[in-house]
């Protein structure tokens, strides 16, 4: 494995230089699409994580590992907020479409129980994704 930094690009052979150029394009596309403020699909990153990521890339480091802190932040946000709310939304839609009093009473259970189930499901999905990576 070679260092993925613009300072070392002079030591790459032609094939590696082409791959590095492609990596730089992909990293810039990721930043422009998901990281930069007001980007089309801007992620909810803390200012510290966003600034660090942008600074590191501006300094010439294009190694995919620079995205790790942002990935962890997004996974935590999904685990604690987005996914549980998604499951709660599905449960409430099911309860209202069934129209039964039993389903409706089940849907008004303690939200913490839904969050617990969501965290469990999220852990299972995370494990499956790690195995395929």
Protein backbone atom coordinates (compact mmCIF):
# COMPACT_ATOMS: atom_id res chain seq x y z
CA UNK A 1 0.00 0.00 0.00
CA UNK A 2 1.32 3.43 -0.83
CA UNK A 3 0.74 6.73 0.92
CA UNK A 4 -2.29 8.48 -0.57
CA UNK A 5 -0.99 12.01 -0.23
CA UNK A 6 -0.25 14.56 -2.95
CA UNK A 7 3.26 15.03 -1.50
CA UNK A 8 4.17 11.47 -2.49
CA UNK A 9 2.46 11.40 -5.89
CA UNK A 10 5.79 11.94 -7.66
CA UNK A 11 6.85 8.43 -6.58
CA UNK A 12 3.88 6.66 -8.18
CA UNK A 13 4.11 4.71 -11.39
CA UNK A 14 1.70 5.57 -14.21
CA UNK A 15 -0.97 3.07 -13.16
CA UNK A 16 -0.82 4.20 -9.53
CA UNK A 17 -0.91 7.85 -10.60
CA UNK A 18 -4.07 7.19 -12.62
CA UNK A 19 -5.68 5.41 -9.68
CA UNK A 20 -4.66 8.24 -7.35
CA UNK A 21 -6.16 10.82 -9.73
CA UNK A 22 -9.41 8.82 -9.77
CA UNK A 23 -9.36 8.63 -5.96
CA UNK A 24 -8.95 12.40 -5.77
CA UNK A 25 -11.94 12.91 -8.07
CA UNK A 26 -14.07 10.55 -6.00
CA UNK A 27 -13.04 12.23 -2.73
CA UNK A 28 -13.91 15.66 -4.13
CA UNK A 29 -17.26 14.31 -5.35
CA UNK A 30 -17.99 12.98 -1.85
CA UNK A 31 -17.09 16.31 -0.27
CA UNK A 32 -19.13 18.32 -2.77
CA UNK A 33 -22.15 16.05 -2.44
CA UNK A 34 -22.21 15.24 1.28
CA UNK A 35 -19.78 17.33 3.34
CA UNK A 36 -19.59 20.94 2.15
CA UNK A 37 -22.14 23.30 3.70
CA UNK A 38 -25.26 23.59 1.52
CA UNK A 39 -24.22 20.56 -0.55
CA UNK A 40 -27.07 18.67 -2.27
CA UNK A 41 -27.13 15.85 0.31
CA UNK A 42 -25.35 17.52 3.21
CA UNK A 43 -24.76 15.20 6.14
CA UNK A 44 -25.44 16.29 9.68
CA UNK A 45 -21.81 16.47 10.82
CA UNK A 46 -20.46 18.48 13.71
CA UNK A 47 -18.50 21.57 12.76
CA UNK A 48 -15.34 20.02 14.24
CA UNK A 49 -15.62 16.85 12.14
CA UNK A 50 -16.51 18.77 8.97
CA UNK A 51 -13.64 21.26 9.38
CA UNK A 52 -11.11 18.53 10.18
CA UNK A 53 -12.13 16.49 7.15
CA UNK A 54 -11.98 19.48 4.82
CA UNK A 55 -8.62 20.59 6.26
CA UNK A 56 -7.04 17.14 5.92
CA UNK A 57 -8.14 16.82 2.29
CA UNK A 58 -7.04 20.40 1.53
CA UNK A 59 -3.61 19.43 2.90
CA UNK A 60 -3.48 16.69 0.27
CA UNK A 61 -4.46 13.57 2.23
CA UNK A 62 -6.90 11.52 0.14
CA UNK A 63 -6.70 8.24 2.02
CA UNK A 64 -10.23 6.82 2.55
CA UNK A 65 -9.43 6.57 6.27
CA UNK A 66 -9.90 10.36 6.57
CA UNK A 67 -13.65 9.69 6.21
CA UNK A 68 -13.76 7.34 9.21
CA UNK A 69 -14.65 9.91 11.87
CA UNK A 70 -17.49 11.26 9.70
CA UNK A 71 -18.71 7.70 9.06
CA UNK A 72 -18.75 6.93 12.78
CA UNK A 73 -20.63 10.15 13.51
CA UNK A 74 -23.29 9.36 10.90
CA UNK A 75 -23.64 5.76 12.11
CA UNK A 76 -24.14 7.00 15.68
CA UNK A 77 -26.74 9.51 14.51
CA UNK A 78 -28.58 6.80 12.59
CA UNK A 79 -28.45 4.42 15.54
CA UNK A 80 -29.67 6.92 18.12
CA UNK A 81 -32.09 9.01 16.11
CA UNK A 82 -32.92 8.31 12.48
CA UNK A 83 -33.48 4.55 12.57
CA UNK A 84 -35.60 4.48 15.77
CA UNK A 85 -37.80 7.28 14.39
CA UNK A 86 -38.10 5.38 11.11
CA UNK A 87 -39.31 2.28 12.97
CA UNK A 88 -41.73 4.32 15.06
CA UNK A 89 -43.15 5.82 11.86
CA UNK A 90 -43.67 2.38 10.35
CA UNK A 91 -45.33 1.13 13.53
CA UNK A 92 -47.73 4.05 13.67
CA UNK A 93 -48.64 3.62 9.99
CA UNK A 94 -49.33 -0.07 10.55
CA UNK A 95 -51.45 0.68 13.58
CA UNK A 96 -53.52 3.29 11.75
CA UNK A 97 -53.97 1.12 8.66
CA UNK A 98 -55.11 -1.89 10.73
CA UNK A 99 -57.68 0.18 12.57
CA UNK A 100 -57.87 -2.33 15.37
CA UNK A 101 -57.83 -1.12 18.94
CA UNK A 102 -55.26 -3.78 19.80
CA UNK A 103 -52.80 -2.51 17.18
CA UNK A 104 -53.39 1.06 18.24
CA UNK A 105 -52.78 0.29 21.89
CA UNK A 106 -49.58 -1.56 20.93
CA UNK A 107 -48.35 1.44 18.96
CA UNK A 108 -48.61 3.66 22.03
CA UNK A 109 -46.14 1.60 24.01
CA UNK A 110 -43.20 3.24 25.64
CA UNK A 111 -41.03 4.81 22.88
CA UNK A 112 -37.97 3.49 24.70
CA UNK A 113 -39.00 -0.07 23.79
CA UNK A 114 -39.02 0.92 20.11
CA UNK A 115 -35.62 2.52 20.50
CA UNK A 116 -34.32 -0.65 22.12
CA UNK A 117 -35.63 -2.76 19.24
CA UNK A 118 -34.21 -0.28 16.73
CA UNK A 119 -30.77 -0.39 18.31
CA UNK A 120 -30.86 -4.19 18.23
CA UNK A 121 -31.83 -4.21 14.53
CA UNK A 122 -29.21 -1.58 13.76
CA UNK A 123 -26.49 -3.69 15.41
CA UNK A 124 -27.51 -6.68 13.31
CA UNK A 125 -27.39 -4.64 10.11
CA UNK A 126 -24.02 -3.14 11.10
CA UNK A 127 -22.56 -6.61 11.68
CA UNK A 128 -23.81 -7.80 8.31
CA UNK A 129 -22.30 -4.77 6.57
CA UNK A 130 -18.94 -5.31 8.27
CA UNK A 131 -18.87 -8.92 7.11
CA UNK A 132 -19.44 -7.95 3.49
CA UNK A 133 -16.87 -5.12 3.54
